[in-house]
Amino acid sequence: MDNKIAANSFRRVDLIGRLADSEAWDLIVIGGGATGLGVALDGISRGYKTLLLEKADYAKGTSSRSTKLVHGGVRYLAQGDVRLVREALHERGLLLLNAPHLVRTQTFVIPAYNWWEVVKYAIGLKLYDLLAGKRAMGASGYMGKKQVVNQLINVQQEELRGGVVYCDGQFDDARLAINLAQTAVESGGIVLNYIEVREILKDAQGAVAGVVAVDVETGVGYELRAKAVINATGVFVDDVRQMDDPGSAPIVRPSQGIHLVVDKTFLPGKNALVIPKTTDGRVLFAVPWHNRVVLGTTDTLVAQPSPEPQALEEEVDFILDTAAKYLVKAPKRKDVLSVFAGLRPLAVSSGRGRATKDISRRHQILVSKAGLITITGGKWTTYRRMAEDVVDRAIALGKLPASQSQTAHLAIHGAQLITDTSSHLYVYGSDRPALEQLMADHPDLGEKLDDALEFTKAEVVWAARFEMARTVEDVLARRVRVLFLDAAAAIRIAPLVAKLLAQELGRDAKWEEAQIAAFRQLAQHYLL
């Protein structure tokens, strides 16, 4: 499909028009994160008339706040969950094939400070290679002390015995979400942000028959009928389940994980650092990402889910203290460019009496008495398999006619093999030439948003025209990722971004001011 035509099809005003003209759907998906977008695309790939509704922006929640890894899960292998690891490694391989512009091979090095660790990790990672089979990204192997120091220039050398190297996947989570939404629309579906589901519709027999939804921007309401409704709202699945069955017991307990972003000087080179067992038995990563380094993560149960979870002081201290044990030049609080938190949906029943780090991340599918289908758990790497499984369940329940999923080998919007990542524009994949043409046609849009940043004005315009960005937050958090990379810089450029967006969306000065104020308030939580 021609990129210009494909991009132009992803316009909110056009999709809203199609929503109003439609009478009934085969499948309505609630939730625009990784799982929901995957479910929508799976349904579309089978030929079902599919609609996705997201009350905020795509990947607003957990799906934009990951450790940026597409992986089988070395930790899950240590827990003995071979089935989950094998499934995730298979899906990792498919993602690399279907979205090569965003998913790439990342080399990880585990420094070992006693010989037993060297042997243990080397054996475990050989099993990891074996489970990956033909989809392995590279062979693991032993490294001597000198090799480890060469590959991890800033690593602590005292008592270092050697290490193990292995390969896994790395990606940009929010950009993959946007590309999934674009792929779904190009394939004939409708995916809409800022449409909030307020009620579950029932038929005369009390079975789920659709939803009542409201356009957050205009206040216009819609009554939408469907054969099947799937609740894919992550940590908020219980809110939707309450609409279907008030008083139903919660099935999810949110667990928070935070990440700190620091300058590349703290981990020079291209390799990631893995600390396989911290003081509390977790795995900590230091991963190169967009010319910075992401440190994380934690695992802390929280009482209630929040659209904007905030890092706890003890979580920040834990990551900094742990990093200081392994890095000669260790980051301090003043070095943190951004801190972000995400919530994982953990099964309530599985969590009793167990540490969150030990609870399986395998997904679960539940069907209510009225027929609402809920999917929860899982992780980004397995989003496609989760989607396939939940649509298969809808078919098994007789809600949809039988049809095979086509997503295993479905190229995602922007798919293009990328060999040169020296320019940050590589994440646009096959859209990059059109974006560069926009800058050539309008040289002023080629100017940087800030002297300290690589991002340009053209990317804001592109996000508004072709990626359905509606707010300053949409742009700076999930289209160009500045809020996650450098929160102070994001605050500085918010007025310029608001002005560019207002011009594109036809908004007035009052809207600009409100957007700047709202974003500045939000961004404060990303600063230490």
Protein backbone atom coordinates (compact mmCIF):
# COMPACT_ATOMS: atom_id res chain seq x y z
CA MET A 1 0.00 0.00 0.00
CA ASP A 2 1.28 3.47 -0.86
CA ASN A 3 2.56 5.14 2.33
CA LYS A 4 0.86 8.46 1.61
CA ILE A 5 -2.50 6.78 1.07
CA ALA A 6 -2.00 4.60 4.14
CA ALA A 7 -1.10 7.56 6.31
CA ASN A 8 -4.07 9.61 5.13
CA SER A 9 -6.46 6.78 6.04
CA PHE A 10 -5.47 7.21 9.71
CA ARG A 11 -7.45 10.40 10.31
CA ARG A 12 -9.70 10.61 13.33
CA VAL A 13 -12.39 12.72 11.65
CA ASP A 14 -12.76 10.13 8.88
CA LEU A 15 -12.87 7.20 11.30
CA ILE A 16 -15.47 8.96 13.47
CA GLY A 17 -17.59 9.40 10.34
CA ARG A 18 -17.38 5.68 9.61
CA LEU A 19 -18.32 4.93 13.22
CA ALA A 20 -21.49 7.00 12.97
CA ASP A 21 -22.52 5.36 9.69
CA SER A 22 -22.14 1.77 10.91
CA GLU A 23 -25.07 -0.28 12.23
CA ALA A 24 -23.43 -3.33 13.83
CA TRP A 25 -20.05 -4.93 14.43
CA ASP A 26 -18.76 -8.44 14.65
CA LEU A 27 -16.20 -7.49 17.27
CA ILE A 28 -15.77 -4.53 19.62
CA VAL A 29 -12.50 -4.29 21.53
CA ILE A 30 -12.23 -2.09 24.61
CA GLY A 31 -8.69 -0.86 25.28
CA GLY A 32 -5.96 0.55 23.02
CA GLY A 33 -2.84 -0.92 24.57
CA ALA A 34 -0.72 -3.76 23.21
CA THR A 35 -3.33 -6.44 23.87
CA GLY A 36 -6.33 -4.50 22.58
CA LEU A 37 -4.55 -3.42 19.41
CA GLY A 38 -3.42 -6.99 18.86
CA VAL A 39 -6.96 -8.30 19.30
CA ALA A 40 -8.34 -5.73 16.86
CA LEU A 41 -5.76 -6.60 14.22
CA ASP A 42 -6.33 -10.32 14.72
CA GLY A 43 -10.07 -9.89 14.29
CA ILE A 44 -9.59 -7.80 11.16
CA SER A 45 -7.15 -10.36 9.74
CA ARG A 46 -9.90 -13.01 9.96
CA GLY A 47 -12.39 -10.84 8.10
CA TYR A 48 -14.48 -9.67 11.05
CA LYS A 49 -15.94 -6.18 11.10
CA THR A 50 -13.90 -4.81 14.00
CA LEU A 51 -13.94 -1.67 16.14
CA LEU A 52 -11.49 -0.69 18.89
CA LEU A 53 -12.25 2.03 21.44
CA GLU A 54 -9.65 3.62 23.72
CA LYS A 55 -10.67 6.23 26.31
CA ALA A 56 -7.30 8.03 26.21
CA ASP A 57 -4.45 7.63 23.71
CA TYR A 58 -3.03 4.44 22.27
CA ALA A 59 -0.57 2.86 24.74
CA LYS A 60 -1.30 5.59 27.28
CA GLY A 61 -0.84 3.14 30.15
CA THR A 62 1.43 0.16 30.70
CA SER A 63 2.08 -0.42 26.99
CA SER A 64 4.29 2.68 26.71
CA ARG A 65 6.14 2.06 30.00
CA SER A 66 7.96 -1.22 29.44
CA THR A 67 11.68 -2.01 29.73
CA LYS A 68 11.75 -1.77 25.89
CA LEU A 69 12.56 -5.46 25.51
CA VAL A 70 11.12 -8.09 23.16
CA HIS A 71 12.29 -11.17 25.00
CA GLY A 72 11.58 -14.70 26.07
CA GLY A 73 12.18 -13.90 29.70
CA VAL A 74 15.38 -15.24 31.23
CA ARG A 75 13.75 -14.78 34.65
CA TYR A 76 10.83 -17.05 33.69
CA LEU A 77 13.31 -19.72 32.61
CA ALA A 78 14.88 -19.57 36.08
CA GLN A 79 11.39 -20.07 37.52
CA GLY A 80 10.97 -23.18 35.41
CA ASP A 81 8.21 -21.80 33.16
CA VAL A 82 9.65 -23.33 29.99
CA ARG A 83 6.33 -23.19 28.13
CA LEU A 84 6.02 -19.43 28.58
CA VAL A 85 9.64 -18.87 27.52
CA ARG A 86 9.27 -21.03 24.41
CA GLU A 87 6.09 -19.20 23.41
CA ALA A 88 7.67 -15.78 24.00
CA LEU A 89 10.79 -16.67 22.01
CA HIS A 90 8.63 -17.81 19.10
CA GLU A 91 6.67 -14.54 19.21
CA ARG A 92 9.91 -12.57 19.52
CA GLY A 93 11.00 -14.07 16.21
CA LEU A 94 7.72 -13.15 14.53
CA LEU A 95 7.94 -9.58 15.78
CA LEU A 96 11.43 -9.23 14.38
CA LEU A 97 10.10 -10.38 10.99
CA ASN A 98 6.92 -8.31 11.02
CA ALA A 99 8.28 -5.04 12.46
CA PRO A 100 12.00 -4.97 11.59
CA HIS A 101 12.04 -1.15 11.67
CA LEU A 102 11.28 -1.18 15.41
CA VAL A 103 12.54 -4.53 16.69
CA ARG A 104 16.24 -5.24 16.57
CA THR A 105 18.76 -7.60 18.08
CA GLN A 106 20.32 -6.38 21.32
CA THR A 107 23.41 -7.93 22.89
CA PHE A 108 23.26 -8.44 26.67
CA VAL A 109 26.21 -9.09 28.96
CA ILE A 110 25.91 -10.63 32.43
CA PRO A 111 29.02 -9.87 34.52
CA ALA A 112 29.82 -12.67 36.97
CA TYR A 113 31.68 -12.20 40.24
CA ASN A 114 32.22 -15.85 41.11
CA TRP A 115 32.87 -18.93 38.97
CA TRP A 116 29.66 -20.66 39.96
CA GLU A 117 27.69 -17.76 38.44
CA VAL A 118 29.61 -18.11 35.18
CA VAL A 119 28.72 -21.79 34.92
CA LYS A 120 25.10 -21.33 36.00
CA TYR A 121 24.36 -18.50 33.58
CA ALA A 122 26.19 -20.15 30.70
CA ILE A 123 24.15 -23.35 31.05
CA GLY A 124 20.86 -21.49 31.49
CA LEU A 125 21.41 -19.35 28.43
CA LYS A 126 22.36 -22.33 26.28
CA LEU A 127 18.91 -23.70 27.13
CA TYR A 128 17.50 -20.27 26.18
CA ASP A 129 19.23 -20.60 22.77
CA LEU A 130 17.86 -24.13 22.37
CA LEU A 131 14.29 -23.04 23.10
CA ALA A 132 14.58 -20.24 20.52
CA GLY A 133 15.53 -22.76 17.84
CA LYS A 134 15.66 -21.37 14.33
CA ARG A 135 14.44 -18.00 15.60
CA ALA A 136 17.51 -17.47 17.80
CA MET A 137 18.95 -13.95 17.50
CA GLY A 138 22.50 -15.07 18.24
CA ALA A 139 24.37 -17.65 20.27
CA SER A 140 25.17 -17.13 23.92
CA GLY A 141 28.68 -17.76 25.21
CA TYR A 142 31.28 -17.35 27.92
CA MET A 143 33.37 -14.17 28.12
CA GLY A 144 36.60 -13.68 30.01
CA LYS A 145 37.11 -10.73 32.35
CA LYS A 146 38.94 -8.71 29.70
CA GLN A 147 36.15 -9.26 27.17
CA VAL A 148 33.49 -8.21 29.68
CA VAL A 149 35.38 -5.01 30.47
CA ASN A 150 35.75 -4.26 26.75
CA GLN A 151 32.04 -4.81 26.13
CA LEU A 152 30.83 -3.04 29.29
CA ILE A 153 33.29 -0.16 29.59
CA ASN A 154 31.88 1.20 32.85
CA VAL A 155 31.45 -2.15 34.64
CA GLN A 156 32.79 -2.71 38.15
CA GLN A 157 35.97 -4.81 37.78
CA GLU A 158 36.79 -5.69 41.38
CA GLU A 159 36.39 -9.48 41.84
CA LEU A 160 34.98 -9.78 38.30
CA ARG A 161 35.56 -13.35 37.06
CA GLY A 162 34.11 -13.14 33.59
CA GLY A 163 30.63 -13.16 32.17
CA VAL A 164 28.09 -14.51 29.71
CA VAL A 165 26.81 -12.84 26.56
CA TYR A 166 23.46 -13.53 24.89
CA CYS A 167 21.08 -11.88 22.43
CA ASP A 168 17.49 -10.75 22.82
CA GLY A 169 15.20 -8.14 21.26
CA GLN A 170 14.83 -4.41 21.88
CA PHE A 171 12.11 -2.05 20.57
CA ASP A 172 10.12 1.15 20.98
CA ASP A 173 6.86 0.12 22.63
CA ALA A 174 4.62 3.15 22.01
CA ARG A 175 5.68 3.47 18.38
CA LEU A 176 4.84 -0.18 17.81
CA ALA A 177 1.40 0.50 19.28
CA ILE A 178 0.85 3.39 16.85
CA ASN A 179 1.99 1.22 13.94
CA LEU A 180 -0.39 -1.57 15.02
CA ALA A 181 -3.26 0.92 15.05
CA GLN A 182 -2.28 2.12 11.56
CA THR A 183 -2.08 -1.47 10.31
CA ALA A 184 -5.54 -2.21 11.68
CA VAL A 185 -7.05 0.80 9.88
CA GLU A 186 -5.23 0.05 6.64
CA SER A 187 -6.64 -3.49 6.87
CA GLY A 188 -10.21 -2.19 7.07
CA GLY A 189 -10.92 -1.80 10.77
CA ILE A 190 -11.60 1.22 12.93
CA VAL A 191 -9.46 2.06 15.96
CA LEU A 192 -10.22 5.26 17.80
CA ASN A 193 -8.57 7.07 20.68
CA TYR A 194 -10.45 9.32 23.10
CA ILE A 195 -13.66 7.31 22.89
CA GLU A 196 -14.68 6.13 26.37
CA VAL A 197 -16.92 3.11 26.94
CA ARG A 198 -19.46 4.03 29.61
CA GLU A 199 -21.86 1.07 29.57
CA ILE A 200 -22.18 -2.54 28.42
CA LEU A 201 -25.31 -3.16 26.37
CA LYS A 202 -27.39 -6.30 26.96
CA ASP A 203 -30.03 -7.99 24.82
CA ALA A 204 -33.45 -9.20 26.01
CA GLN A 205 -31.89 -12.38 27.42
CA GLY A 206 -29.27 -10.42 29.37
CA ALA A 207 -26.36 -11.30 27.09
CA VAL A 208 -23.68 -8.77 26.15
CA ALA A 209 -24.72 -7.11 22.90
CA GLY A 210 -22.49 -4.04 22.56
CA VAL A 211 -21.42 -0.86 24.33
CA VAL A 212 -22.42 2.74 24.95
CA ALA A 213 -19.48 5.05 24.29
CA VAL A 214 -18.80 8.79 24.33
CA ASP A 215 -16.36 10.86 22.28
CA VAL A 216 -14.25 12.54 24.97
CA GLU A 217 -13.48 15.49 22.69
CA THR A 218 -17.03 16.34 21.59
CA GLY A 219 -19.31 14.68 24.14
CA VAL A 220 -21.20 12.89 21.36
CA GLY A 221 -22.55 9.50 22.45
CA TYR A 222 -22.80 6.26 20.47
CA GLU A 223 -24.78 3.06 20.99
CA LEU A 224 -22.75 0.35 19.29
CA ARG A 225 -23.97 -3.22 18.76
CA ALA A 226 -21.65 -6.20 18.40
CA LYS A 227 -21.63 -10.01 18.35
CA ALA A 228 -18.65 -10.13 20.70
CA VAL A 229 -17.15 -7.61 23.12
CA ILE A 230 -13.60 -8.09 24.41
CA ASN A 231 -12.30 -6.32 27.50
CA ALA A 232 -8.57 -5.72 26.97
CA THR A 233 -8.02 -2.81 29.34
CA GLY A 234 -5.03 -4.15 31.28
CA VAL A 235 -4.99 -3.11 34.93
CA PHE A 236 -8.44 -1.55 34.42
CA VAL A 237 -10.25 -4.75 33.36
CA ASP A 238 -12.16 -4.83 36.64
CA ASP A 239 -13.69 -1.41 35.92
CA VAL A 240 -15.18 -2.76 32.69
CA ARG A 241 -16.23 -6.00 34.39
CA GLN A 242 -18.17 -3.90 36.92
CA MET A 243 -20.15 -2.37 34.04
CA ASP A 244 -21.15 -5.89 33.00
CA ASP A 245 -21.63 -7.36 36.47
CA PRO A 246 -21.74 -4.83 39.33
CA GLY A 247 -20.28 -6.29 42.48
CA SER A 248 -18.11 -8.87 40.70
CA ALA A 249 -14.94 -9.76 42.60
CA PRO A 250 -11.71 -8.19 41.27
CA ILE A 251 -9.42 -10.43 39.28
CA VAL A 252 -6.42 -8.09 38.98
CA ARG A 253 -4.00 -6.63 41.47
CA PRO A 254 -1.66 -4.04 39.93
CA SER A 255 2.08 -4.33 40.42
CA GLN A 256 4.23 -1.29 39.70
CA GLY A 257 7.53 -1.27 37.86
CA ILE A 258 9.59 1.89 37.44
CA HIS A 259 12.45 2.86 35.14
CA LEU A 260 15.09 5.57 35.30
CA VAL A 261 16.57 7.09 32.14
CA VAL A 262 20.13 8.41 32.25
CA ASP A 263 22.76 9.67 29.84
CA LYS A 264 24.57 7.25 27.54
CA THR A 265 27.88 7.95 29.29
CA PHE A 266 26.82 5.64 32.12
CA LEU A 267 26.82 2.67 29.73
CA PRO A 268 28.96 3.52 26.68
CA GLY A 269 28.81 1.21 23.71
CA LYS A 270 26.01 -0.85 22.23
CA ASN A 271 25.67 -3.63 24.82
CA ALA A 272 23.10 -3.93 27.59
CA LEU A 273 23.96 -4.92 31.15
CA VAL A 274 21.99 -7.59 33.01
CA ILE A 275 22.08 -7.98 36.77
CA PRO A 276 20.44 -11.42 37.05
CA LYS A 277 19.86 -11.41 40.79
CA THR A 278 19.53 -8.26 42.87
CA THR A 279 19.40 -8.20 46.67
CA ASP A 280 15.70 -9.11 46.59
CA GLY A 281 16.03 -11.74 43.85
CA ARG A 282 14.91 -9.69 40.86
CA VAL A 283 16.51 -9.02 37.48
CA LEU A 284 17.72 -5.48 36.73
CA PHE A 285 18.54 -4.23 33.23
CA ALA A 286 20.55 -1.31 31.90
CA VAL A 287 19.53 -1.05 28.24
CA PRO A 288 20.68 1.42 25.54
CA TRP A 289 17.61 3.13 24.09
CA HIS A 290 17.41 6.13 21.75
CA ASN A 291 20.95 7.18 22.67
CA ARG A 292 20.17 7.09 26.40
CA VAL A 293 20.12 4.25 28.93
CA VAL A 294 17.04 2.77 30.62
CA LEU A 295 17.54 1.30 34.11
CA GLY A 296 14.86 -0.96 35.54
CA THR A 297 12.72 -2.40 36.81
CA THR A 298 10.98 -2.86 40.18
CA ASP A 299 7.98 -4.94 41.24
CA THR A 300 5.80 -3.32 43.90
CA LEU A 301 2.17 -4.12 44.65
CA VAL A 302 -0.10 -1.06 44.69
CA ALA A 303 -3.60 -0.75 46.06
CA GLN A 304 -5.34 0.85 43.09
CA PRO A 305 -4.52 1.30 39.39
CA SER A 306 -3.84 4.83 38.16
CA PRO A 307 -3.59 6.27 34.64
CA GLU A 308 -0.40 8.04 35.76
CA PRO A 309 1.36 5.87 38.37
CA GLN A 310 4.20 7.58 40.20
CA ALA A 311 7.56 6.18 41.21
CA LEU A 312 8.07 5.61 44.92
CA GLU A 313 11.22 6.94 46.58
CA GLU A 314 12.22 3.45 47.71
CA GLU A 315 11.96 2.21 44.10
CA VAL A 316 14.22 4.98 42.85
CA ASP A 317 16.73 4.30 45.63
CA PHE A 318 16.67 0.56 44.88
CA ILE A 319 17.60 1.05 41.22
CA LEU A 320 20.30 3.64 41.93
CA ASP A 321 21.80 1.60 44.77
CA THR A 322 21.85 -1.56 42.67
CA ALA A 323 23.38 0.18 39.66
CA ALA A 324 26.09 1.64 41.89
CA LYS A 325 27.26 -1.88 42.78
CA TYR A 326 27.91 -2.73 39.13
CA LEU A 327 28.96 0.56 37.51
CA VAL A 328 32.21 2.39 38.27
CA LYS A 329 30.65 5.68 37.26
CA ALA A 330 27.24 5.32 38.87
CA PRO A 331 24.26 7.63 38.24
CA LYS A 332 23.00 9.80 41.08
CA ARG A 333 19.56 11.37 41.49
CA LYS A 334 20.76 14.51 39.71
CA ASP A 335 21.70 12.43 36.65
CA VAL A 336 18.22 11.01 36.10
CA LEU A 337 16.72 12.55 32.96
CA SER A 338 13.31 10.94 33.39
CA VAL A 339 11.56 8.47 35.67
CA PHE A 340 8.47 6.60 34.54
CA ALA A 341 6.23 4.00 36.14
CA GLY A 342 3.97 1.34 34.68
CA LEU A 343 1.51 -1.16 36.13
CA ARG A 344 1.34 -4.90 35.46
CA PRO A 345 -2.01 -6.70 35.81
CA LEU A 346 -1.36 -9.61 38.18
CA ALA A 347 -3.99 -12.28 38.88
CA VAL A 348 -5.43 -11.81 42.38
CA SER A 349 -5.71 -15.53 43.12
CA SER A 350 -2.14 -16.21 42.01
CA GLY A 351 -0.70 -13.44 44.15
CA ARG A 352 -1.76 -14.65 47.61
CA GLY A 353 1.27 -15.52 49.64
CA ARG A 354 3.67 -15.16 46.71
CA ALA A 355 6.17 -12.44 45.82
CA THR A 356 5.14 -10.51 42.72
CA LYS A 357 8.41 -11.39 41.03
CA ASP A 358 7.43 -15.10 41.23
CA ILE A 359 3.95 -14.78 39.72
CA SER A 360 3.66 -16.03 36.14
CA ARG A 361 3.06 -13.42 33.45
CA ARG A 362 1.08 -15.90 31.35
CA HIS A 363 -2.18 -14.39 30.12
CA GLN A 364 -5.65 -15.44 31.28
CA ILE A 365 -9.03 -15.32 29.52
CA LEU A 366 -12.27 -15.11 31.50
CA VAL A 367 -15.87 -15.12 30.25
CA SER A 368 -18.66 -13.62 32.35
CA LYS A 369 -22.15 -15.12 32.65
CA ALA A 370 -23.39 -12.47 30.23
CA GLY A 371 -20.63 -13.24 27.73
CA LEU A 372 -18.14 -10.40 28.24
CA ILE A 373 -14.72 -11.77 27.31
CA THR A 374 -11.83 -10.42 29.41
CA ILE A 375 -8.14 -10.98 28.76
CA THR A 376 -5.49 -10.01 31.25
CA GLY A 377 -1.83 -10.66 32.06
CA GLY A 378 0.84 -11.35 29.47
CA LYS A 379 3.47 -8.97 28.15
CA TRP A 380 4.35 -7.03 25.00
CA THR A 381 6.33 -9.86 23.44
CA THR A 382 3.33 -12.19 23.41
CA TYR A 383 0.66 -9.64 22.47
CA ARG A 384 -0.02 -11.35 19.10
CA ARG A 385 -0.50 -14.80 20.63
CA MET A 386 -2.73 -13.34 23.35
CA ALA A 387 -4.88 -11.75 20.67
CA GLU A 388 -5.13 -14.96 18.67
CA ASP A 389 -6.13 -16.91 21.78
CA VAL A 390 -8.89 -14.53 22.83
CA VAL A 391 -10.45 -14.33 19.36
CA ASP A 392 -10.28 -18.14 19.20
CA ARG A 393 -12.23 -18.17 22.48
CA ALA A 394 -14.91 -15.90 20.99
CA ILE A 395 -15.24 -18.36 18.10
CA ALA A 396 -15.42 -21.34 20.46
CA LEU A 397 -18.24 -19.59 22.34
CA GLY A 398 -20.20 -19.32 19.08
CA LYS A 399 -20.04 -15.53 18.98
CA LEU A 400 -18.09 -15.39 15.71
CA PRO A 401 -17.93 -17.67 12.65
CA ALA A 402 -14.84 -19.85 12.41
CA SER A 403 -11.86 -18.23 10.70
CA GLN A 404 -8.07 -18.59 10.99
CA SER A 405 -5.79 -15.85 12.32
CA GLN A 406 -3.51 -14.30 9.70
CA THR A 407 -1.27 -12.18 11.92
CA ALA A 408 1.72 -14.53 12.29
CA HIS A 409 3.14 -13.28 9.02
CA LEU A 410 1.36 -9.93 8.66
CA ALA A 411 3.75 -7.01 8.13
CA ILE A 412 3.13 -4.11 10.50
CA HIS A 413 2.87 -0.55 9.18
CA GLY A 414 6.33 0.88 8.53
CA ALA A 415 7.93 -2.56 8.17
CA GLN A 416 11.30 -2.19 6.51
CA LEU A 417 14.64 -3.78 7.30
CA ILE A 418 16.75 -1.12 9.02
CA THR A 419 20.52 -1.46 8.94
CA ASP A 420 21.44 2.14 9.80
CA THR A 421 20.10 3.53 13.07
CA SER A 422 22.41 6.56 13.18
CA SER A 423 19.43 8.87 12.62
CA HIS A 424 16.59 8.77 15.12
CA LEU A 425 14.19 8.83 12.15
CA TYR A 426 14.79 5.11 11.58
CA VAL A 427 11.76 4.33 13.77
CA TYR A 428 9.47 5.65 11.02
CA GLY A 429 10.52 2.78 8.78
CA SER A 430 8.91 3.02 5.34
CA ASP A 431 7.26 6.33 6.34
CA ARG A 432 10.65 8.01 6.69
CA PRO A 433 10.97 9.20 3.05
CA ALA A 434 7.59 10.95 3.25
CA LEU A 435 8.57 12.60 6.53
CA GLU A 436 11.87 13.75 5.03
CA GLN A 437 9.99 15.08 2.01
CA LEU A 438 7.80 17.12 4.36
CA MET A 439 10.96 18.72 5.76
CA ALA A 440 12.35 19.30 2.26
CA ASP A 441 9.10 21.01 1.19
CA HIS A 442 8.98 23.10 4.39
CA PRO A 443 12.56 23.74 5.59
CA ASP A 444 11.36 25.44 8.77
CA LEU A 445 9.87 22.11 9.87
CA GLY A 446 13.33 20.58 9.68
CA GLU A 447 14.41 22.71 12.64
CA LYS A 448 14.98 20.97 15.96
CA LEU A 449 12.45 21.37 18.75
CA ASP A 450 15.32 22.07 21.15
CA ASP A 451 19.09 22.37 20.81
CA ALA A 452 19.55 19.49 23.26
CA LEU A 453 17.24 17.16 21.32
CA GLU A 454 17.31 15.35 17.99
CA PHE A 455 13.59 15.68 17.30
CA THR A 456 12.18 18.12 14.73
CA LYS A 457 9.09 20.27 14.24
CA ALA A 458 8.13 18.08 11.29
CA GLU A 459 7.62 15.13 13.62
CA VAL A 460 4.98 17.07 15.57
CA VAL A 461 3.16 17.92 12.35
CA TRP A 462 3.46 14.32 11.17
CA ALA A 463 2.09 13.02 14.49
CA ALA A 464 -0.97 15.26 14.18
CA ARG A 465 -1.62 14.57 10.49
CA PHE A 466 -0.86 10.88 10.23
CA GLU A 467 -0.57 9.35 13.72
CA MET A 468 -3.73 10.68 15.39
CA ALA A 469 -1.96 12.69 18.09
CA ARG A 470 -4.50 14.95 19.79
CA THR A 471 -2.59 16.50 22.69
CA VAL A 472 0.86 17.71 23.66
CA GLU A 473 1.16 14.63 25.85
CA ASP A 474 0.35 12.35 22.91
CA VAL A 475 3.23 13.86 20.96
CA LEU A 476 5.87 14.17 23.67
CA ALA A 477 5.09 10.93 25.54
CA ARG A 478 4.20 8.47 22.78
CA ARG A 479 5.12 9.84 19.32
CA VAL A 480 8.61 11.28 19.82
CA ARG A 481 9.19 9.94 23.38
CA VAL A 482 10.81 13.12 24.75
CA LEU A 483 8.95 12.91 28.07
CA PHE A 484 10.46 9.47 28.66
CA LEU A 485 13.94 10.51 27.52
CA ASP A 486 14.37 13.96 29.06
CA ALA A 487 11.48 15.34 31.10
CA ALA A 488 13.03 18.79 31.60
CA ALA A 489 13.51 19.19 27.85
CA ALA A 490 9.91 18.07 27.29
CA ILE A 491 8.70 20.84 29.59
CA ARG A 492 10.83 23.40 27.73
CA ILE A 493 9.41 22.54 24.31
CA ALA A 494 5.78 22.10 25.37
CA PRO A 495 4.76 25.64 24.24
CA LEU A 496 6.28 25.11 20.78
CA VAL A 497 4.62 21.72 20.41
CA ALA A 498 1.28 23.17 21.54
CA LYS A 499 1.56 25.92 18.92
CA LEU A 500 2.36 23.47 16.12
CA LEU A 501 -0.47 21.17 17.20
CA ALA A 502 -2.96 24.02 17.44
CA GLN A 503 -2.16 25.01 13.86
CA GLU A 504 -2.65 21.44 12.65
CA LEU A 505 -5.82 20.71 14.63
CA GLY A 506 -7.44 24.10 14.26
CA ARG A 507 -7.34 24.97 17.97
CA ASP A 508 -7.29 28.43 19.53
CA ALA A 509 -4.93 30.18 21.94
CA LYS A 510 -7.01 29.14 24.95
CA TRP A 511 -6.56 25.48 23.98
CA GLU A 512 -2.81 26.03 23.66
CA GLU A 513 -2.59 27.50 27.14
CA ALA A 514 -4.60 24.68 28.65
CA GLN A 515 -2.46 22.08 26.92
CA ILE A 516 0.79 23.66 28.13
CA ALA A 517 -0.48 23.85 31.71
CA ALA A 518 -1.76 20.25 31.69
CA PHE A 519 1.46 18.89 30.23
CA ARG A 520 3.70 20.78 32.64
CA GLN A 521 1.71 19.42 35.56
CA LEU A 522 1.97 15.87 34.18
CA ALA A 523 5.68 16.12 33.40
CA GLN A 524 6.56 17.07 36.97
CA HIS A 525 6.01 13.42 37.92
CA TYR A 526 8.74 12.37 35.45
CA LEU A 527 11.33 14.53 37.21
CA LEU A 528 13.24 13.60 40.37
